[in-house]
Protein backbone atom coordinates (compact mmCIF):
# COMPACT_ATOMS: atom_id res chain seq x y z
CA MET A 1 -87.56 297.48 128.44
CA ASN A 2 -89.00 299.60 125.62
CA VAL A 3 -92.68 300.28 125.11
CA ARG A 4 -93.09 297.59 122.46
CA ASN A 5 -91.63 294.83 124.64
CA PHE A 6 -93.66 296.03 127.60
CA LEU A 7 -96.92 295.79 125.64
CA LEU A 8 -95.91 292.37 124.35
CA ALA A 9 -95.38 291.18 127.92
CA ILE A 10 -98.85 292.40 128.88
CA VAL A 11 -100.39 290.51 125.94
CA LEU A 12 -98.59 287.30 126.91
CA VAL A 13 -99.69 287.56 130.53
CA THR A 14 -103.31 288.31 129.70
CA GLY A 15 -103.25 285.55 127.13
CA SER A 16 -102.21 283.05 129.78
CA PHE A 17 -105.15 284.16 131.92
CA ALA A 18 -107.53 283.83 128.99
CA SER A 19 -106.38 280.29 128.28
CA SER A 20 -107.39 279.27 131.79
CA ALA A 21 -110.98 280.47 131.44
CA GLN A 22 -112.58 277.48 129.70
CA SER A 23 -109.80 275.61 127.99
CA ASN A 24 -110.52 273.97 124.65
CA LEU A 25 -113.98 275.56 124.51
CA LEU A 26 -113.75 276.49 120.84
CA ASN A 27 -112.08 273.24 119.76
CA ALA A 28 -114.14 270.72 121.74
CA LYS A 29 -115.97 268.05 119.74
CA SER A 30 -118.09 267.05 122.79
CA PRO A 31 -118.97 268.66 126.14
CA ASP A 32 -116.57 266.30 127.93
CA GLU A 33 -113.62 267.89 126.13
CA ILE A 34 -114.36 271.38 127.48
CA GLY A 35 -111.83 272.39 130.09
CA GLN A 36 -109.36 269.65 129.18
CA LYS A 37 -105.77 270.70 128.62
CA THR A 38 -103.03 268.81 126.86
CA ALA A 39 -99.80 268.02 128.68
CA GLY A 40 -98.05 270.65 126.58
CA GLN A 41 -100.58 273.31 127.59
CA VAL A 42 -100.17 272.49 131.26
CA ASP A 43 -96.38 272.78 131.01
CA ALA A 44 -96.61 276.02 129.04
CA ASP A 45 -99.04 277.65 131.46
CA ASN A 46 -96.81 277.17 134.53
CA ASP A 47 -99.82 278.42 136.45
CA LYS A 48 -98.69 279.09 140.01
CA PRO A 49 -99.40 281.88 142.49
CA LEU A 50 -96.95 284.75 142.46
CA ALA A 51 -94.41 283.98 145.16
CA TYR A 52 -93.94 286.41 148.04
CA GLY A 53 -90.57 288.07 148.20
CA TYR A 54 -88.42 287.54 151.27
CA VAL A 55 -88.69 290.39 153.79
CA HIS A 56 -86.04 290.63 156.47
CA ASP A 57 -87.16 291.82 159.89
CA ARG A 58 -84.63 294.67 159.72
CA ASP A 59 -86.32 295.98 156.56
CA VAL A 60 -89.66 296.50 158.36
CA LEU A 61 -89.58 300.06 159.64
CA MET A 62 -93.18 300.03 160.86
CA GLY A 63 -95.76 297.27 161.24
CA LYS A 64 -99.40 297.09 162.32
CA THR A 65 -101.74 294.10 162.42
CA THR A 66 -105.39 294.77 161.57
CA TRP A 67 -108.57 292.72 161.41
CA GLU A 68 -111.24 293.56 158.82
CA ILE A 69 -114.77 292.52 157.87
CA ILE A 70 -115.75 291.92 154.25
CA ASP A 71 -119.52 292.34 153.92
CA LEU A 72 -120.79 290.05 151.16
CA SER A 73 -123.97 292.08 150.70
CA GLU A 74 -121.91 294.79 148.98
CA LYS A 75 -121.84 294.51 145.20
CA ILE A 76 -118.07 294.90 144.95
CA ASN A 77 -117.68 291.75 147.08
CA PHE A 78 -120.06 289.57 145.04
CA ALA A 79 -117.14 287.73 143.40
CA LEU A 80 -116.40 286.13 146.78
CA TYR A 81 -120.03 285.15 147.38
CA PHE A 82 -121.48 283.87 144.10
CA PRO A 83 -122.36 281.35 142.81
CA VAL A 84 -124.22 279.98 145.83
CA ASP A 85 -125.95 277.27 143.79
CA THR A 86 -123.64 275.37 141.45
CA ALA A 87 -126.09 272.68 140.33
CA ASN A 88 -127.01 274.46 137.08
CA ILE A 89 -123.60 275.94 136.27
CA GLY A 90 -121.66 274.08 133.62
CA SER A 91 -118.19 275.15 134.74
CA ASP A 92 -115.87 274.81 137.70
CA ARG A 93 -116.94 278.14 139.18
CA ARG A 94 -117.43 278.00 142.92
CA SER A 95 -117.89 280.47 145.73
CA LEU A 96 -114.96 281.11 148.04
CA TYR A 97 -116.72 279.18 150.82
CA ASP A 98 -117.14 276.10 148.61
CA VAL A 99 -113.50 276.30 147.54
CA LEU A 100 -112.27 276.36 151.14
CA THR A 101 -114.54 273.62 152.45
CA LYS A 102 -113.89 271.36 149.45
CA ALA A 103 -110.13 271.76 149.90
CA MET A 104 -110.46 270.88 153.59
CA ARG A 105 -112.42 267.71 152.85
CA SER A 106 -109.97 266.62 150.14
CA GLY A 107 -106.92 267.29 152.34
CA GLU A 108 -105.48 270.12 150.24
CA ILE A 109 -105.88 272.40 153.27
CA THR A 110 -104.81 270.36 156.28
CA GLU A 111 -104.66 272.93 159.07
CA VAL A 112 -107.48 275.20 160.21
CA TYR A 113 -107.72 277.08 163.48
CA THR A 114 -110.28 278.27 166.00
CA ASP A 115 -109.08 281.88 166.16
CA SER A 116 -107.04 284.43 164.27
CA TYR A 117 -103.92 283.86 166.38
CA PHE A 118 -103.51 280.34 164.95
CA ASN A 119 -102.84 278.81 168.35
CA THR A 120 -105.46 276.04 168.50
CA LYS A 121 -106.10 273.75 165.57
CA LYS A 122 -109.60 272.69 164.61
CA SER A 123 -110.37 269.27 163.19
CA LEU A 124 -112.67 268.61 160.26
CA GLN A 125 -114.99 266.74 162.60
CA ASP A 126 -115.32 269.84 164.80
CA ILE A 127 -116.17 271.96 161.77
CA GLN A 128 -118.74 269.44 160.55
CA GLY A 129 -120.54 269.82 163.88
CA SER A 130 -120.90 273.54 163.19
CA LEU A 131 -122.12 272.99 159.63
CA THR A 132 -124.96 270.55 160.31
CA ARG A 133 -127.90 270.55 162.71
CA ILE A 134 -129.67 267.27 163.38
CA ASP A 135 -132.97 267.36 165.25
CA THR A 136 -136.16 265.35 165.58
CA THR A 137 -139.81 266.29 165.24
CA ASP A 138 -142.35 265.85 168.01
CA SER A 139 -143.42 262.56 166.49
CA GLY A 140 -139.83 261.39 166.54
CA ARG A 141 -139.51 262.27 170.21
CA GLU A 142 -142.63 260.24 170.93
CA GLN A 143 -141.01 257.24 169.28
CA ILE A 144 -137.88 257.72 171.38
CA ASN A 145 -139.93 257.97 174.58
CA ALA A 146 -141.82 254.82 173.61
CA GLY A 147 -138.54 252.97 173.21
CA THR A 148 -138.94 252.31 169.49
CA GLN A 149 -136.53 253.08 166.68
CA ILE A 150 -137.04 256.54 165.24
CA SER A 151 -138.13 256.73 161.61
CA ASP A 152 -135.97 258.60 159.12
CA GLU A 153 -138.90 260.82 158.15
CA TYR A 154 -138.91 262.31 161.66
CA ILE A 155 -135.22 263.26 161.57
CA LEU A 156 -134.55 266.86 160.55
CA ARG A 157 -131.18 267.69 159.01
CA GLN A 158 -130.18 271.25 158.20
CA ASP A 159 -126.85 272.11 156.58
CA LEU A 160 -125.07 275.41 156.18
CA SER A 161 -124.23 276.31 152.60
CA ALA A 162 -122.45 279.06 150.70
CA GLN A 163 -125.69 281.01 150.69
CA ASP A 164 -125.55 281.35 154.49
CA VAL A 165 -122.12 283.00 154.56
CA SER A 166 -122.71 286.68 155.29
CA GLN A 167 -119.17 287.97 155.89
CA TYR A 168 -115.51 287.13 155.81
CA LYS A 169 -113.08 288.24 158.46
CA ILE A 170 -109.49 288.73 157.42
CA LYS A 171 -106.32 289.35 159.35
CA GLY A 172 -103.44 291.18 157.72
CA TYR A 173 -100.21 293.00 158.41
CA TRP A 174 -99.43 296.50 157.12
CA TYR A 175 -95.72 297.25 157.06
CA PHE A 176 -93.37 299.86 155.67
CA ASP A 177 -90.52 298.30 153.72
CA LYS A 178 -87.62 300.70 154.14
CA ARG A 179 -85.59 298.93 151.46
CA GLN A 180 -88.22 299.74 148.84
CA SER A 181 -89.63 302.80 150.66
CA GLU A 182 -93.17 301.52 150.27
CA LEU A 183 -96.15 300.69 152.46
CA LYS A 184 -97.22 297.10 151.83
CA TYR A 185 -99.87 294.66 153.00
CA ARG A 186 -99.62 290.93 153.64
CA LEU A 187 -102.78 288.88 154.18
CA LEU A 188 -102.35 286.36 157.00
CA GLY A 189 -105.71 284.72 157.64
CA ILE A 190 -109.30 284.46 156.43
CA CYS A 191 -112.44 283.25 158.17
CA PRO A 192 -116.04 282.74 156.93
CA VAL A 193 -118.73 284.11 159.24
CA THR A 194 -122.01 282.16 159.28
CA PRO A 195 -125.10 281.97 161.48
CA ASP A 196 -124.98 279.42 164.26
CA VAL A 197 -126.76 276.43 162.76
CA TYR A 198 -128.96 276.15 165.88
CA THR A 199 -130.22 279.74 165.54
CA MET A 200 -130.88 279.77 161.78
CA ASN A 201 -134.65 279.50 162.22
CA SER A 202 -134.88 282.17 164.93
CA GLU A 203 -135.51 285.86 164.35
CA GLU A 204 -132.21 286.91 165.95
CA LYS A 205 -129.37 284.81 164.60
CA ASP A 206 -126.06 284.35 166.38
CA TYR A 207 -123.13 284.69 163.99
CA ILE A 208 -119.96 282.72 164.60
CA GLU A 209 -116.46 282.47 163.18
CA LEU A 210 -116.59 279.11 161.45
CA PHE A 211 -112.83 278.52 161.12
CA TRP A 212 -109.63 280.44 160.41
CA VAL A 213 -107.32 279.47 157.56
CA PHE A 214 -103.70 280.59 157.45
CA PHE A 215 -103.73 282.34 154.08
CA PRO A 216 -100.20 281.49 152.80
CA ASP A 217 -101.05 277.81 153.33
CA ALA A 218 -104.14 278.10 151.10
CA ARG A 219 -102.69 280.14 148.24
CA ASP A 220 -102.24 277.21 145.85
CA VAL A 221 -105.86 276.18 146.32
CA LEU A 222 -107.17 279.72 145.93
CA HIS A 223 -105.06 280.32 142.83
CA LYS A 224 -106.52 277.29 141.05
CA ALA A 225 -110.08 278.43 141.82
CA LYS A 226 -111.29 281.19 139.50
CA ALA A 227 -113.86 283.87 140.26
CA PHE A 228 -116.16 285.35 137.65
CA ASN A 229 -115.03 288.44 135.79
CA ASP A 230 -118.18 290.31 134.74
CA LYS A 231 -116.21 292.52 132.33
CA ASN A 232 -114.60 289.68 130.41
CA SER A 233 -115.49 286.05 131.08
CA ALA A 234 -112.50 284.92 128.98
CA MET A 235 -110.18 286.34 131.63
CA PRO A 236 -111.23 285.04 135.06
CA ILE A 237 -109.35 286.12 138.15
CA SER A 238 -108.31 283.77 140.91
CA PHE A 239 -109.35 284.22 144.53
CA ASP A 240 -105.68 284.54 145.42
CA GLN A 241 -105.37 287.54 143.11
CA ILE A 242 -108.57 289.15 144.41
CA LEU A 243 -107.49 288.91 148.03
CA ASN A 244 -103.81 289.78 147.56
CA SER A 245 -104.60 292.80 145.40
CA ARG A 246 -107.40 293.83 147.82
CA ARG A 247 -110.12 293.96 145.16
CA PHE A 248 -112.82 294.14 147.80
CA ASN A 249 -114.31 296.57 150.27
CA SER A 250 -113.81 296.04 153.98
CA VAL A 251 -114.04 297.76 157.34
CA ILE A 252 -111.42 297.53 160.08
CA TYR A 253 -112.98 296.21 163.27
CA LYS A 254 -109.82 295.68 165.33
CA GLU A 255 -106.16 296.62 165.46
CA GLU A 256 -103.42 295.30 167.69
CA ASN A 257 -103.20 297.46 170.81
CA VAL A 258 -102.04 297.53 174.40
CA TYR A 259 -105.51 296.56 175.66
CA GLY A 260 -105.23 292.96 174.53
CA ASP A 261 -106.21 293.71 170.94
CA ARG A 262 -109.67 294.86 171.92
CA SER A 263 -112.07 295.48 169.06
CA ILE A 264 -113.53 298.86 168.16
CA ASP A 265 -117.05 297.98 169.32
CA GLU A 266 -115.70 297.30 172.82
CA TYR A 267 -114.81 300.95 173.39
CA MET A 268 -117.22 302.51 170.87
CA LYS A 269 -120.42 300.89 172.08
CA ASP A 270 -123.96 301.34 170.71
CA ASN A 271 -122.90 303.85 168.06
CA ALA A 272 -122.34 302.42 164.59
CA GLN A 273 -121.38 305.78 163.10
CA ASN A 274 -118.60 306.33 165.65
CA GLN A 275 -117.36 302.80 165.00
CA LEU A 276 -117.07 303.54 161.28
CA LEU A 277 -115.29 306.82 161.99
CA GLU A 278 -112.86 305.03 164.31
CA SER A 279 -112.23 302.43 161.62
CA GLU A 280 -111.38 305.20 159.16
CA ARG A 281 -109.12 306.84 161.75
CA VAL A 282 -107.13 303.61 162.11
CA LYS A 283 -106.86 303.33 158.33
CA GLU A 284 -105.70 306.92 157.94
CA LYS A 285 -103.16 306.48 160.75
CA ILE A 286 -101.51 303.68 158.80
CA ARG A 287 -101.62 305.59 155.51
CA ASN A 288 -100.22 308.76 157.06
CA PHE A 289 -97.11 306.94 158.22
CA GLU A 290 -96.05 306.47 154.61
CA GLN A 291 -96.89 310.07 153.78
CA ASP A 292 -94.93 311.35 156.77
CA MET A 293 -91.83 309.50 155.60
CA TRP A 294 -91.59 311.96 152.69
CA ASN A 295 -91.93 315.11 154.80
CA TYR A 296 -88.73 316.92 155.62
């Protein structure tokens, strides 16, 4: 492929991304026509997530499973957090949390799990119990004790929202592909971390893993959902692209090990600096394997 054809390919690819930003925005005669695509446009886009290539077990020279934390308070990770309030946004932009929960309610994501090993499935009803807290006021308790029906005004309902998500935990697999002589990464699972709904009003909140999603099962959903591109709003990027290309900052908090996959804070207690240094040591150990392959 010469330089001219290569540049043409880039233009065609970026053009397909641009067309998915707000389709028909410049041609719409009414607000209802914004975002609508013709059947020909849909067929021409062929908008699907980039398929993973097949990797044979014999091609994996080295492999290491790691668990990481994505802190949503860091600016580089804002694309996964915002917008937290979608009432006043006139587009289909949603936070990653809203995309996952909406897909679970609609049945597009059918299987979620309680932990990162994907052994025990979690039902939507179980998750709803973690998202909503229902309580009564003192006046409502007096009505219950008196044997009368409690009034709706004395029932307190508190729901978790995208604003309450503080972190994401991800599980991935680093491996060295000896066929291509390259260190690669495959994302396996993602989990939103939220405060326990029953400790939200307390000074010290307990944070829980809400649910784990097997990432390859959610790729179609995450590819359709677009995150905001602050450099060019005409070219949004999907959540699938953000996560697969690792356009975020994270810290390793656990690696698979002989001690039952114990986390770093279990053997580096009460010292946050040492925990960060240990996380960097694990990261460098994985990187150095690829570098060592080229030493003779």
